[in-house]
Amino acid sequence: MKNEPKIICFDSGLQIVATVEESETLDKIVVHYPMEIQKFPVSMTHEAYSIRPWMSFSNETVFEVNTNNIVAIAPLSEGYYDGYENLKD
């Protein structure tokens, strides 16, 4: 089974894209290659998006995340897979 990237939305408004695996404990997940989604207003009705490494000053690529602050997890649209994979590498 392929581990497809997911969008993770936190209660702070932060959104990241990462591949997700379940942790041994129910209150945590493990994320691989997390990238932060940033929104930039372009006009009153339009936004632009970019992604960057979530933990910019860390050399690690795998992180354990507490699920208490997660609002939703959804699959990343297939059209964005290649862009995410290119940034991982």
PDB file of N, CA and C in Angstrom:
ATOM      1  N   MET A   1       0.842  -1.184   0.000  1.00  0.00           N
ATOM      2  CA  MET A   1       0.000   0.000   0.000  1.00  0.00           C
ATOM      3  C   MET A   1       0.882   1.240   0.000  1.00  0.00           C
ATOM      4  N   LYS A   2       0.650   2.129  -0.940  1.00  0.00           N
ATOM      5  CA  LYS A   2       1.425   3.355  -1.067  1.00  0.00           C
ATOM      6  C   LYS A   2       1.002   4.343   0.019  1.00  0.00           C
ATOM      7  N   ASN A   3       1.984   4.981   0.655  1.00  0.00           N
ATOM      8  CA  ASN A   3       1.704   5.971   1.686  1.00  0.00           C
ATOM      9  C   ASN A   3       1.545   7.334   1.019  1.00  0.00           C
ATOM     10  N   GLU A   4       0.318   7.725   0.753  1.00  0.00           N
ATOM     11  CA  GLU A   4       0.043   8.953   0.014  1.00  0.00           C
ATOM     12  C   GLU A   4       0.064  10.161   0.941  1.00  0.00           C
ATOM     13  N   PRO A   5       0.508  11.326   0.432  1.00  0.00           N
ATOM     14  CA  PRO A   5       0.575  12.527   1.268  1.00  0.00           C
ATOM     15  C   PRO A   5      -0.803  13.003   1.712  1.00  0.00           C
ATOM     16  N   LYS A   6      -0.828  13.585   2.897  1.00  0.00           N
ATOM     17  CA  LYS A   6      -2.066  14.099   3.494  1.00  0.00           C
ATOM     18  C   LYS A   6      -1.868  15.562   3.877  1.00  0.00           C
ATOM     19  N   ILE A   7      -2.965  16.292   3.929  1.00  0.00           N
ATOM     20  CA  ILE A   7      -2.982  17.644   4.475  1.00  0.00           C
ATOM     21  C   ILE A   7      -3.450  17.520   5.919  1.00  0.00           C
ATOM     22  N   ILE A   8      -2.697  18.098   6.821  1.00  0.00           N
ATOM     23  CA  ILE A   8      -3.037  18.065   8.244  1.00  0.00           C
ATOM     24  C   ILE A   8      -3.341  19.484   8.682  1.00  0.00           C
ATOM     25  N   CYS A   9      -4.552  19.698   9.215  1.00  0.00           N
ATOM     26  CA  CYS A   9      -4.981  21.025   9.669  1.00  0.00           C
ATOM     27  C   CYS A   9      -4.975  21.049  11.191  1.00  0.00           C
ATOM     28  N   PHE A  10      -4.264  22.017  11.755  1.00  0.00           N
ATOM     29  CA  PHE A  10      -4.182  22.172  13.205  1.00  0.00           C
ATOM     30  C   PHE A  10      -5.151  23.239  13.683  1.00  0.00           C
ATOM     31  N   ASP A  11      -5.516  23.203  14.958  1.00  0.00           N
ATOM     32  CA  ASP A  11      -6.465  24.177  15.499  1.00  0.00           C
ATOM     33  C   ASP A  11      -5.905  25.601  15.500  1.00  0.00           C
ATOM     34  N   SER A  12      -4.615  25.780  15.326  1.00  0.00           N
ATOM     35  CA  SER A  12      -4.008  27.115  15.241  1.00  0.00           C
ATOM     36  C   SER A  12      -4.175  27.745  13.862  1.00  0.00           C
ATOM     37  N   GLY A  13      -4.648  26.954  12.882  1.00  0.00           N
ATOM     38  CA  GLY A  13      -4.762  27.421  11.511  1.00  0.00           C
ATOM     39  C   GLY A  13      -3.620  26.929  10.633  1.00  0.00           C
ATOM     40  N   LEU A  14      -2.571  26.421  11.243  1.00  0.00           N
ATOM     41  CA  LEU A  14      -1.435  25.873  10.509  1.00  0.00           C
ATOM     42  C   LEU A  14      -1.883  24.665   9.695  1.00  0.00           C
ATOM     43  N   GLN A  15      -1.390  24.579   8.454  1.00  0.00           N
ATOM     44  CA  GLN A  15      -1.643  23.408   7.612  1.00  0.00           C
ATOM     45  C   GLN A  15      -0.310  22.894   7.107  1.00  0.00           C
ATOM     46  N   ILE A  16      -0.131  21.575   7.167  1.00  0.00           N
ATOM     47  CA  ILE A  16       1.069  20.965   6.624  1.00  0.00           C
ATOM     48  C   ILE A  16       0.682  19.836   5.684  1.00  0.00           C
ATOM     49  N   VAL A  17       1.604  19.494   4.788  1.00  0.00           N
ATOM     50  CA  VAL A  17       1.464  18.330   3.912  1.00  0.00           C
ATOM     51  C   VAL A  17       2.556  17.357   4.331  1.00  0.00           C
ATOM     52  N   ALA A  18       2.202  16.099   4.517  1.00  0.00           N
ATOM     53  CA  ALA A  18       3.175  15.086   4.930  1.00  0.00           C
ATOM     54  C   ALA A  18       2.609  13.702   4.667  1.00  0.00           C
ATOM     55  N   THR A  19       3.492  12.726   4.638  1.00  0.00           N
ATOM     56  CA  THR A  19       3.009  11.355   4.680  1.00  0.00           C
ATOM     57  C   THR A  19       2.857  11.007   6.156  1.00  0.00           C
ATOM     58  N   VAL A  20       1.830  10.241   6.478  1.00  0.00           N
ATOM     59  CA  VAL A  20       1.439  10.008   7.871  1.00  0.00           C
ATOM     60  C   VAL A  20       1.440   8.517   8.170  1.00  0.00           C
ATOM     61  N   GLU A  21       1.958   8.169   9.342  1.00  0.00           N
ATOM     62  CA  GLU A  21       1.812   6.799   9.834  1.00  0.00           C
ATOM     63  C   GLU A  21       1.310   6.870  11.265  1.00  0.00           C
ATOM     64  N   GLU A  22       0.584   5.856  11.653  1.00  0.00           N
ATOM     65  CA  GLU A  22       0.080   5.810  13.022  1.00  0.00           C
ATOM     66  C   GLU A  22       1.224   5.531  13.969  1.00  0.00           C
ATOM     67  N   SER A  23       1.128   6.099  15.146  1.00  0.00           N
ATOM     68  CA  SER A  23       2.116   5.865  16.185  1.00  0.00           C
ATOM     69  C   SER A  23       1.662   4.688  17.040  1.00  0.00           C
ATOM     70  N   GLU A  24       2.525   4.262  17.936  1.00  0.00           N
ATOM     71  CA  GLU A  24       2.163   3.164  18.843  1.00  0.00           C
ATOM     72  C   GLU A  24       1.146   3.629  19.887  1.00  0.00           C
ATOM     73  N   THR A  25       1.060   4.936  20.116  1.00  0.00           N
ATOM     74  CA  THR A  25       0.083   5.480  21.062  1.00  0.00           C
ATOM     75  C   THR A  25      -1.018   6.188  20.276  1.00  0.00           C
ATOM     76  N   LEU A  26      -2.213   6.215  20.817  1.00  0.00           N
ATOM     77  CA  LEU A  26      -3.360   6.797  20.109  1.00  0.00           C
ATOM     78  C   LEU A  26      -3.320   8.316  20.029  1.00  0.00           C
ATOM     79  N   ASP A  27      -2.562   8.958  20.910  1.00  0.00           N
ATOM     80  CA  ASP A  27      -2.566  10.422  20.940  1.00  0.00           C
ATOM     81  C   ASP A  27      -1.469  11.049  20.082  1.00  0.00           C
ATOM     82  N   LYS A  28      -0.788  10.253  19.262  1.00  0.00           N
ATOM     83  CA  LYS A  28       0.284  10.771  18.416  1.00  0.00           C
ATOM     84  C   LYS A  28       0.231  10.128  17.035  1.00  0.00           C
ATOM     85  N   ILE A  29       0.758  10.867  16.054  1.00  0.00           N
ATOM     86  CA  ILE A  29       1.010  10.322  14.722  1.00  0.00           C
ATOM     87  C   ILE A  29       2.446  10.658  14.365  1.00  0.00           C
ATOM     88  N   VAL A  30       2.991   9.944  13.400  1.00  0.00           N
ATOM     89  CA  VAL A  30       4.332  10.216  12.908  1.00  0.00           C
ATOM     90  C   VAL A  30       4.190  10.779  11.499  1.00  0.00           C
ATOM     91  N   VAL A  31       4.816  11.944  11.250  1.00  0.00           N
ATOM     92  CA  VAL A  31       4.755  12.565   9.926  1.00  0.00           C
ATOM     93  C   VAL A  31       6.141  12.528   9.303  1.00  0.00           C
ATOM     94  N   HIS A  32       6.159  12.234   8.006  1.00  0.00           N
ATOM     95  CA  HIS A  32       7.404  12.172   7.246  1.00  0.00           C
ATOM     96  C   HIS A  32       7.418  13.321   6.245  1.00  0.00           C
ATOM     97  N   TYR A  33       8.540  14.007   6.152  1.00  0.00           N
ATOM     98  CA  TYR A  33       8.735  15.108   5.212  1.00  0.00           C
ATOM     99  C   TYR A  33       7.614  16.152   5.268  1.00  0.00           C
ATOM    100  N   PRO A  34       7.339  16.693   6.458  1.00  0.00           N
ATOM    101  CA  PRO A  34       6.266  17.690   6.545  1.00  0.00           C
ATOM    102  C   PRO A  34       6.653  19.016   5.891  1.00  0.00           C
ATOM    103  N   MET A  35       5.718  19.578   5.142  1.00  0.00           N
ATOM    104  CA  MET A  35       5.889  20.875   4.487  1.00  0.00           C
ATOM    105  C   MET A  35       4.740  21.780   4.928  1.00  0.00           C
ATOM    106  N   GLU A  36       5.069  22.997   5.323  1.00  0.00           N
ATOM    107  CA  GLU A  36       4.061  23.966   5.756  1.00  0.00           C
ATOM    108  C   GLU A  36       3.441  24.655   4.553  1.00  0.00           C
ATOM    109  N   ILE A  37       2.108  24.731   4.545  1.00  0.00           N
ATOM    110  CA  ILE A  37       1.395  25.451   3.493  1.00  0.00           C
ATOM    111  C   ILE A  37       1.231  26.890   3.956  1.00  0.00           C
ATOM    112  N   GLN A  38       1.700  27.847   3.140  1.00  0.00           N
ATOM    113  CA  GLN A  38       1.567  29.260   3.480  1.00  0.00           C
ATOM    114  C   GLN A  38       0.644  29.933   2.478  1.00  0.00           C
ATOM    115  N   LYS A  39      -0.256  30.778   3.004  1.00  0.00           N
ATOM    116  CA  LYS A  39      -1.183  31.537   2.160  1.00  0.00           C
ATOM    117  C   LYS A  39      -0.715  32.985   2.092  1.00  0.00           C
ATOM    118  N   PHE A  40      -0.776  33.554   0.895  1.00  0.00           N
ATOM    119  CA  PHE A  40      -0.424  34.950   0.695  1.00  0.00           C
ATOM    120  C   PHE A  40      -1.568  35.643  -0.026  1.00  0.00           C
ATOM    121  N   PRO A  41      -2.150  36.685   0.563  1.00  0.00           N
ATOM    122  CA  PRO A  41      -3.205  37.400  -0.150  1.00  0.00           C
ATOM    123  C   PRO A  41      -2.627  38.116  -1.368  1.00  0.00           C
ATOM    124  N   VAL A  42      -3.295  37.950  -2.496  1.00  0.00           N
ATOM    125  CA  VAL A  42      -2.883  38.612  -3.730  1.00  0.00           C
ATOM    126  C   VAL A  42      -3.794  39.801  -3.989  1.00  0.00           C
ATOM    127  N   SER A  43      -5.058  39.640  -3.676  1.00  0.00           N
ATOM    128  CA  SER A  43      -6.043  40.716  -3.800  1.00  0.00           C
ATOM    129  C   SER A  43      -7.148  40.428  -2.784  1.00  0.00           C
ATOM    130  N   MET A  44      -8.198  41.207  -2.823  1.00  0.00           N
ATOM    131  CA  MET A  44      -9.311  41.003  -1.893  1.00  0.00           C
ATOM    132  C   MET A  44      -9.987  39.641  -2.089  1.00  0.00           C
ATOM    133  N   THR A  45      -9.896  39.081  -3.283  1.00  0.00           N
ATOM    134  CA  THR A  45     -10.612  37.837  -3.579  1.00  0.00           C
ATOM    135  C   THR A  45      -9.718  36.661  -3.971  1.00  0.00           C
ATOM    136  N   HIS A  46      -8.394  36.850  -3.990  1.00  0.00           N
ATOM    137  CA  HIS A  46      -7.495  35.779  -4.423  1.00  0.00           C
ATOM    138  C   HIS A  46      -6.353  35.590  -3.437  1.00  0.00           C
ATOM    139  N   GLU A  47      -5.896  34.321  -3.344  1.00  0.00           N
ATOM    140  CA  GLU A  47      -4.762  33.968  -2.515  1.00  0.00           C
ATOM    141  C   GLU A  47      -3.780  33.152  -3.341  1.00  0.00           C
ATOM    142  N   ALA A  48      -2.516  33.262  -2.993  1.00  0.00           N
ATOM    143  CA  ALA A  48      -1.487  32.409  -3.583  1.00  0.00           C
ATOM    144  C   ALA A  48      -0.978  31.506  -2.465  1.00  0.00           C
ATOM    145  N   TYR A  49      -0.456  30.358  -2.830  1.00  0.00           N
ATOM    146  CA  TYR A  49       0.028  29.395  -1.855  1.00  0.00           C
ATOM    147  C   TYR A  49       1.466  29.010  -2.173  1.00  0.00           C
ATOM    148  N   SER A  50       2.214  28.723  -1.133  1.00  0.00           N
ATOM    149  CA  SER A  50       3.545  28.141  -1.293  1.00  0.00           C
ATOM    150  C   SER A  50       3.741  27.147  -0.168  1.00  0.00           C
ATOM    151  N   ILE A  51       4.701  26.260  -0.339  1.00  0.00           N
ATOM    152  CA  ILE A  51       5.021  25.352   0.754  1.00  0.00           C
ATOM    153  C   ILE A  51       6.521  25.417   1.012  1.00  0.00           C
ATOM    154  N   ARG A  52       6.882  25.190   2.260  1.00  0.00           N
ATOM    155  CA  ARG A  52       8.279  25.204   2.678  1.00  0.00           C
ATOM    156  C   ARG A  52       8.449  24.149   3.766  1.00  0.00           C
ATOM    157  N   PRO A  53       9.688  23.754   4.051  1.00  0.00           N
ATOM    158  CA  PRO A  53       9.879  22.783   5.131  1.00  0.00           C
ATOM    159  C   PRO A  53       9.267  23.290   6.433  1.00  0.00           C
ATOM    160  N   TRP A  54       8.575  22.403   7.147  1.00  0.00           N
ATOM    161  CA  TRP A  54       7.886  22.780   8.378  1.00  0.00           C
ATOM    162  C   TRP A  54       8.871  23.135   9.471  1.00  0.00           C
ATOM    163  N   MET A  55       9.863  22.318   9.673  1.00  0.00           N
ATOM    164  CA  MET A  55      10.899  22.564  10.681  1.00  0.00           C
ATOM    165  C   MET A  55      12.168  22.982   9.938  1.00  0.00           C
ATOM    166  N   SER A  56      12.208  24.232   9.523  1.00  0.00           N
ATOM    167  CA  SER A  56      13.274  24.731   8.654  1.00  0.00           C
ATOM    168  C   SER A  56      14.674  24.551   9.212  1.00  0.00           C
ATOM    169  N   PHE A  57      14.840  24.632  10.519  1.00  0.00           N
ATOM    170  CA  PHE A  57      16.171  24.591  11.098  1.00  0.00           C
ATOM    171  C   PHE A  57      16.530  23.216  11.669  1.00  0.00           C
ATOM    172  N   SER A  58      15.838  22.197  11.204  1.00  0.00           N
ATOM    173  CA  SER A  58      16.123  20.836  11.633  1.00  0.00           C
ATOM    174  C   SER A  58      16.519  20.004  10.427  1.00  0.00           C
ATOM    175  N   ASN A  59      17.456  19.097  10.614  1.00  0.00           N
ATOM    176  CA  ASN A  59      17.847  18.173   9.550  1.00  0.00           C
ATOM    177  C   ASN A  59      16.983  16.924   9.531  1.00  0.00           C
ATOM    178  N   GLU A  60      16.120  16.782  10.531  1.00  0.00           N
ATOM    179  CA  GLU A  60      15.246  15.610  10.621  1.00  0.00           C
ATOM    180  C   GLU A  60      14.157  15.669   9.544  1.00  0.00           C
ATOM    181  N   THR A  61      13.665  14.506   9.154  1.00  0.00           N
ATOM    182  CA  THR A  61      12.572  14.432   8.177  1.00  0.00           C
ATOM    183  C   THR A  61      11.359  13.713   8.732  1.00  0.00           C
ATOM    184  N   VAL A  62      11.469  13.186   9.966  1.00  0.00           N
ATOM    185  CA  VAL A  62      10.376  12.454  10.601  1.00  0.00           C
ATOM    186  C   VAL A  62      10.116  13.069  11.974  1.00  0.00           C
ATOM    187  N   PHE A  63       8.818  13.352  12.255  1.00  0.00           N
ATOM    188  CA  PHE A  63       8.446  13.996  13.510  1.00  0.00           C
ATOM    189  C   PHE A  63       7.233  13.310  14.109  1.00  0.00           C
ATOM    190  N   GLU A  64       7.168  13.280  15.427  1.00  0.00           N
ATOM    191  CA  GLU A  64       6.002  12.775  16.142  1.00  0.00           C
ATOM    192  C   GLU A  64       5.131  13.975  16.503  1.00  0.00           C
ATOM    193  N   VAL A  65       3.843  13.895  16.205  1.00  0.00           N
ATOM    194  CA  VAL A  65       2.922  15.014  16.397  1.00  0.00           C
ATOM    195  C   VAL A  65       1.791  14.589  17.329  1.00  0.00           C
ATOM    196  N   ASN A  66       1.472  15.443  18.277  1.00  0.00           N
ATOM    197  CA  ASN A  66       0.366  15.217  19.195  1.00  0.00           C
ATOM    198  C   ASN A  66      -0.950  15.436  18.446  1.00  0.00           C
ATOM    199  N   THR A  67      -1.850  14.490  18.500  1.00  0.00           N
ATOM    200  CA  THR A  67      -3.111  14.594  17.750  1.00  0.00           C
ATOM    201  C   THR A  67      -4.149  15.493  18.427  1.00  0.00           C
ATOM    202  N   ASN A  68      -3.910  15.909  19.666  1.00  0.00           N
ATOM    203  CA  ASN A  68      -4.884  16.759  20.362  1.00  0.00           C
ATOM    204  C   ASN A  68      -5.137  18.073  19.646  1.00  0.00           C
ATOM    205  N   ASN A  69      -4.167  18.572  18.891  1.00  0.00           N
ATOM    206  CA  ASN A  69      -4.303  19.862  18.220  1.00  0.00           C
ATOM    207  C   ASN A  69      -4.662  19.746  16.746  1.00  0.00           C
ATOM    208  N   ILE A  70      -4.950  18.530  16.297  1.00  0.00           N
ATOM    209  CA  ILE A  70      -5.310  18.324  14.889  1.00  0.00           C
ATOM    210  C   ILE A  70      -6.820  18.406  14.730  1.00  0.00           C
ATOM    211  N   VAL A  71      -7.241  19.222  13.760  1.00  0.00           N
ATOM    212  CA  VAL A  71      -8.667  19.392  13.474  1.00  0.00           C
ATOM    213  C   VAL A  71      -9.119  18.414  12.393  1.00  0.00           C
ATOM    214  N   ALA A  72      -8.284  18.240  11.354  1.00  0.00           N
ATOM    215  CA  ALA A  72      -8.670  17.369  10.240  1.00  0.00           C
ATOM    216  C   ALA A  72      -7.434  16.859   9.509  1.00  0.00           C
ATOM    217  N   ILE A  73      -7.592  15.703   8.883  1.00  0.00           N
ATOM    218  CA  ILE A  73      -6.573  15.139   8.000  1.00  0.00           C
ATOM    219  C   ILE A  73      -7.294  14.710   6.730  1.00  0.00           C
ATOM    220  N   ALA A  74      -6.772  15.148   5.576  1.00  0.00           N
ATOM    221  CA  ALA A  74      -7.405  14.822   4.297  1.00  0.00           C
ATOM    222  C   ALA A  74      -6.330  14.468   3.270  1.00  0.00           C
ATOM    223  N   PRO A  75      -6.664  13.629   2.294  1.00  0.00           N
ATOM    224  CA  PRO A  75      -5.686  13.295   1.255  1.00  0.00           C
ATOM    225  C   PRO A  75      -5.339  14.533   0.418  1.00  0.00           C
ATOM    226  N   LEU A  76      -4.089  14.628   0.013  1.00  0.00           N
ATOM    227  CA  LEU A  76      -3.657  15.679  -0.900  1.00  0.00           C
ATOM    228  C   LEU A  76      -4.189  15.345  -2.284  1.00  0.00           C
ATOM    229  N   SER A  77      -4.696  16.328  -3.009  1.00  0.00           N
ATOM    230  CA  SER A  77      -5.188  16.100  -4.372  1.00  0.00           C
ATOM    231  C   SER A  77      -4.056  15.587  -5.254  1.00  0.00           C
ATOM    232  N   GLU A  78      -4.374  14.616  -6.100  1.00  0.00           N
ATOM    233  CA  GLU A  78      -3.361  13.970  -6.939  1.00  0.00           C
ATOM    234  C   GLU A  78      -2.572  14.950  -7.787  1.00  0.00           C
ATOM    235  N   GLY A  79      -3.181  16.044  -8.205  1.00  0.00           N
ATOM    236  CA  GLY A  79      -2.500  17.029  -9.039  1.00  0.00           C
ATOM    237  C   GLY A  79      -1.323  17.699  -8.354  1.00  0.00           C
ATOM    238  N   TYR A  80      -1.256  17.590  -7.035  1.00  0.00           N
ATOM    239  CA  TYR A  80      -0.166  18.224  -6.280  1.00  0.00           C
ATOM    240  C   TYR A  80       0.906  17.227  -5.843  1.00  0.00           C
ATOM    241  N   TYR A  81       0.720  15.940  -6.123  1.00  0.00           N
ATOM    242  CA  TYR A  81       1.680  14.916  -5.703  1.00  0.00           C
ATOM    243  C   TYR A  81       3.087  15.213  -6.214  1.00  0.00           C
ATOM    244  N   ASP A  82       3.214  15.468  -7.521  1.00  0.00           N
ATOM    245  CA  ASP A  82       4.538  15.661  -8.114  1.00  0.00           C
ATOM    246  C   ASP A  82       5.267  16.843  -7.485  1.00  0.00           C
ATOM    247  N   GLY A  83       4.561  17.940  -7.257  1.00  0.00           N
ATOM    248  CA  GLY A  83       5.184  19.107  -6.638  1.00  0.00           C
ATOM    249  C   GLY A  83       5.685  18.788  -5.243  1.00  0.00           C
ATOM    250  N   TYR A  84       4.881  18.081  -4.460  1.00  0.00           N
ATOM    251  CA  TYR A  84       5.290  17.693  -3.112  1.00  0.00           C
ATOM    252  C   TYR A  84       6.495  16.757  -3.169  1.00  0.00           C
ATOM    253  N   GLU A  85       6.450  15.772  -4.047  1.00  0.00           N
ATOM    254  CA  GLU A  85       7.566  14.820  -4.156  1.00  0.00           C
ATOM    255  C   GLU A  85       8.851  15.527  -4.570  1.00  0.00           C
ATOM    256  N   ASN A  86       8.761  16.495  -5.481  1.00  0.00           N
ATOM    257  CA  ASN A  86       9.949  17.244  -5.909  1.00  0.00           C
ATOM    258  C   ASN A  86      10.546  18.037  -4.751  1.00  0.00           C
ATOM    259  N   LEU A  87       9.721  18.629  -3.929  1.00  0.00           N
ATOM    260  CA  LEU A  87      10.217  19.394  -2.788  1.00  0.00           C
ATOM    261  C   LEU A  87      10.834  18.505  -1.727  1.00  0.00           C
ATOM    262  N   LYS A  88      10.324  17.300  -1.573  1.00  0.00           N
ATOM    263  CA  LYS A  88      10.910  16.354  -0.610  1.00  0.00           C
ATOM    264  C   LYS A  88      12.339  16.035  -0.975  1.00  0.00           C
ATOM    265  N   ASP A  89      12.578  15.882  -2.264  1.00  0.00           N
ATOM    266  CA  ASP A  89      13.913  15.495  -2.735  1.00  0.00           C
ATOM    267  C   ASP A  89      14.789  16.713  -2.792  1.00  0.00           C
TER     268      ASP A  89
END
